C-alpha atoms as a PDB file:
ATOM      1  CA  MET A   1       0.124  -0.293   0.116  1.00  0.00           C
ATOM      2  CA  ASN A   2       0.784   3.507  -1.375  1.00  0.00           C
ATOM      3  CA  VAL A   3       2.839   4.663   2.370  1.00  0.00           C
ATOM      4  CA  ASN A   4       1.356   8.292   1.904  1.00  0.00           C
ATOM      5  CA  LYS A   5      -2.504   6.964   1.452  1.00  0.00           C
ATOM      6  CA  VAL A   6      -2.231   6.099   4.820  1.00  0.00           C
ATOM      7  CA  LEU A   7       0.405   9.263   5.714  1.00  0.00           C
ATOM      8  CA  TYR A   8      -3.144  11.145   4.150  1.00  0.00           C
ATOM      9  CA  LYS A   9      -6.233   8.711   6.341  1.00  0.00           C
ATOM     10  CA  PRO A  10      -6.234  10.281   9.144  1.00  0.00           C
ATOM     11  CA  VAL A  11      -6.282  13.753   7.966  1.00  0.00           C
ATOM     12  CA  GLY A  12      -8.682  12.958   5.575  1.00  0.00           C
ATOM     13  CA  MET A  13     -11.194  12.048   7.838  1.00  0.00           C
ATOM     14  CA  LEU A  14     -11.340  14.445  10.425  1.00  0.00           C
ATOM     15  CA  VAL A  15     -11.123  16.507   7.324  1.00  0.00           C
ATOM     16  CA  GLY A  16     -14.385  14.718   6.876  1.00  0.00           C
ATOM     17  CA  VAL A  17     -16.040  15.066   9.197  1.00  0.00           C
ATOM     18  CA  LEU A  18     -15.291  19.315  10.091  1.00  0.00           C
ATOM     19  CA  GLY A  19     -16.302  18.972   6.093  1.00  0.00           C
ATOM     20  CA  GLY A  20     -19.693  17.318   7.775  1.00  0.00           C
ATOM     21  CA  VAL A  21     -20.549  19.841  10.351  1.00  0.00           C
ATOM     22  CA  LEU A  22     -19.820  22.882   8.487  1.00  0.00           C
ATOM     23  CA  ALA A  23     -22.612  20.626   5.260  1.00  0.00           C
ATOM     24  CA  THR A  24     -24.789  21.107   8.049  1.00  0.00           C
ATOM     25  CA  THR A  25     -25.264  23.657   9.683  1.00  0.00           C
ATOM     26  CA  ALA A  26     -25.563  25.159   5.739  1.00  0.00           C
ATOM     27  CA  PHE A  27     -27.842  23.460   4.524  1.00  0.00           C
ATOM     28  CA  ASN A  28     -30.155  24.407   8.020  1.00  0.00           C
ATOM     29  CA  LYS A  29     -29.697  27.412   7.411  1.00  0.00           C
ATOM     30  CA  VAL A  30     -30.826  27.455   3.624  1.00  0.00           C
ATOM     31  CA  TRP A  31     -33.567  25.604   5.418  1.00  0.00           C
ATOM     32  CA  GLY A  32     -34.384  28.135   6.824  1.00  0.00           C
ATOM     33  CA  ALA A  33     -34.389  30.357   3.824  1.00  0.00           C
ATOM     34  CA  VAL A  34     -36.138  28.636   2.392  1.00  0.00           C
ATOM     35  CA  GLY A  35     -38.083  25.887   3.236  1.00  0.00           C
ATOM     36  CA  PRO A  36     -41.128  25.575   5.180  1.00  0.00           C
ATOM     37  CA  GLY A  37     -41.110  25.523   8.457  1.00  0.00           C
ATOM     38  CA  ASP A  38     -37.704  25.588  10.789  1.00  0.00           C
ATOM     39  CA  GLU A  39     -36.287  21.931  10.246  1.00  0.00           C
ATOM     40  CA  ALA A  40     -36.890  21.031   6.719  1.00  0.00           C
ATOM     41  CA  PRO A  41     -38.574  16.864   6.967  1.00  0.00           C
ATOM     42  CA  ASP A  42     -37.499  13.752   6.689  1.00  0.00           C
ATOM     43  CA  ALA A  43     -38.718  11.517   3.761  1.00  0.00           C
ATOM     44  CA  THR A  44     -41.361   9.655   6.135  1.00  0.00           C
ATOM     45  CA  ASP A  45     -43.240  12.866   7.297  1.00  0.00           C
ATOM     46  CA  SER A  46     -46.254  12.275   6.801  1.00  0.00           C
ATOM     47  CA  LYS A  47     -47.117  15.695   7.594  1.00  0.00           C
ATOM     48  CA  ALA A  48     -44.403  17.189   4.851  1.00  0.00           C
ATOM     49  CA  THR A  49     -45.519  17.862   1.053  1.00  0.00           C
ATOM     50  CA  TRP A  50     -44.545  15.782  -1.435  1.00  0.00           C
ATOM     51  CA  SER A  51     -42.909  19.051  -2.739  1.00  0.00           C
ATOM     52  CA  GLN A  52     -41.440  19.751   0.478  1.00  0.00           C
ATOM     53  CA  VAL A  53     -39.514  16.560   0.501  1.00  0.00           C
ATOM     54  CA  LEU A  54     -39.003  16.316  -2.702  1.00  0.00           C
ATOM     55  CA  LEU A  55     -37.131  20.243  -2.078  1.00  0.00           C
ATOM     56  CA  ALA A  56     -34.869  19.243   1.025  1.00  0.00           C
ATOM     57  CA  ALA A  57     -33.333  16.350  -0.091  1.00  0.00           C
ATOM     58  CA  THR A  58     -32.391  17.937  -3.773  1.00  0.00           C
ATOM     59  CA  ILE A  59     -30.790  21.403  -1.341  1.00  0.00           C
ATOM     60  CA  GLN A  60     -29.261  19.017   1.099  1.00  0.00           C
ATOM     61  CA  GLY A  61     -27.550  16.483  -2.089  1.00  0.00           C
ATOM     62  CA  ALA A  62     -26.182  19.932  -3.091  1.00  0.00           C
ATOM     63  CA  ILE A  63     -25.275  21.290  -0.145  1.00  0.00           C
ATOM     64  CA  PHE A  64     -23.263  18.737   0.770  1.00  0.00           C
ATOM     65  CA  GLY A  65     -21.179  17.703  -2.059  1.00  0.00           C
ATOM     66  CA  ALA A  66     -19.848  20.760  -2.204  1.00  0.00           C
ATOM     67  CA  VAL A  67     -19.175  21.128   0.578  1.00  0.00           C
ATOM     68  CA  LYS A  68     -17.295  17.035   0.677  1.00  0.00           C
ATOM     69  CA  ALA A  69     -15.363  18.137  -2.845  1.00  0.00           C
ATOM     70  CA  ALA A  70     -14.360  21.489  -1.157  1.00  0.00           C
ATOM     71  CA  VAL A  71     -13.367  20.230   1.897  1.00  0.00           C
ATOM     72  CA  ASP A  72     -11.800  17.136   0.090  1.00  0.00           C
ATOM     73  CA  ARG A  73      -9.480  19.147  -2.422  1.00  0.00           C
ATOM     74  CA  ALA A  74      -8.547  22.317   0.785  1.00  0.00           C
ATOM     75  CA  GLY A  75      -7.190  18.266   2.613  1.00  0.00           C
ATOM     76  CA  ALA A  76      -5.584  17.672  -0.328  1.00  0.00           C
ATOM     77  CA  THR A  77      -3.924  20.320  -1.254  1.00  0.00           C
ATOM     78  CA  GLY A  78      -2.989  21.000   2.570  1.00  0.00           C
ATOM     79  CA  TYR A  79      -1.699  18.016   2.446  1.00  0.00           C
ATOM     80  CA  ARG A  80       0.562  18.461  -0.594  1.00  0.00           C
ATOM     81  CA  LYS A  81       1.570  22.180   0.952  1.00  0.00           C
ATOM     82  CA  VAL A  82       2.798  20.571   4.340  1.00  0.00           C
ATOM     83  CA  THR A  83       4.514  17.694   2.509  1.00  0.00           C
ATOM     84  CA  GLY A  84       4.546  18.309  -0.513  1.00  0.00           C
ATOM     85  CA  GLU A  85       3.417  14.926  -2.008  1.00  0.00           C
ATOM     86  CA  TRP A  86      -0.300  14.908  -2.842  1.00  0.00           C
ATOM     87  CA  PRO A  87      -2.408  11.528  -1.508  1.00  0.00           C
ATOM     88  CA  ASP A  88      -2.991   9.823  -3.949  1.00  0.00           C
ATOM     89  CA  ASP A  89       0.227   9.674  -5.907  1.00  0.00           C
END
């Protein structure tokens, strides 16, 4: 196994956790501004409409995808600045 990948593994995990926290915070703020309630509905929420559930899922997916890509890229870039190597090389 590539030593570079092994060394990056804990860094990537930490960056992933921080990204999840950031994405959750961002989603809650966006949903609070555009959604019909304070909290996004779950797919099984009997009081929510199809539109509300699908809108919440779409916004959540877009935010989580973008934040994950951004923090993964930032983590890899930071790792390269410190070690001089890209994590996947």
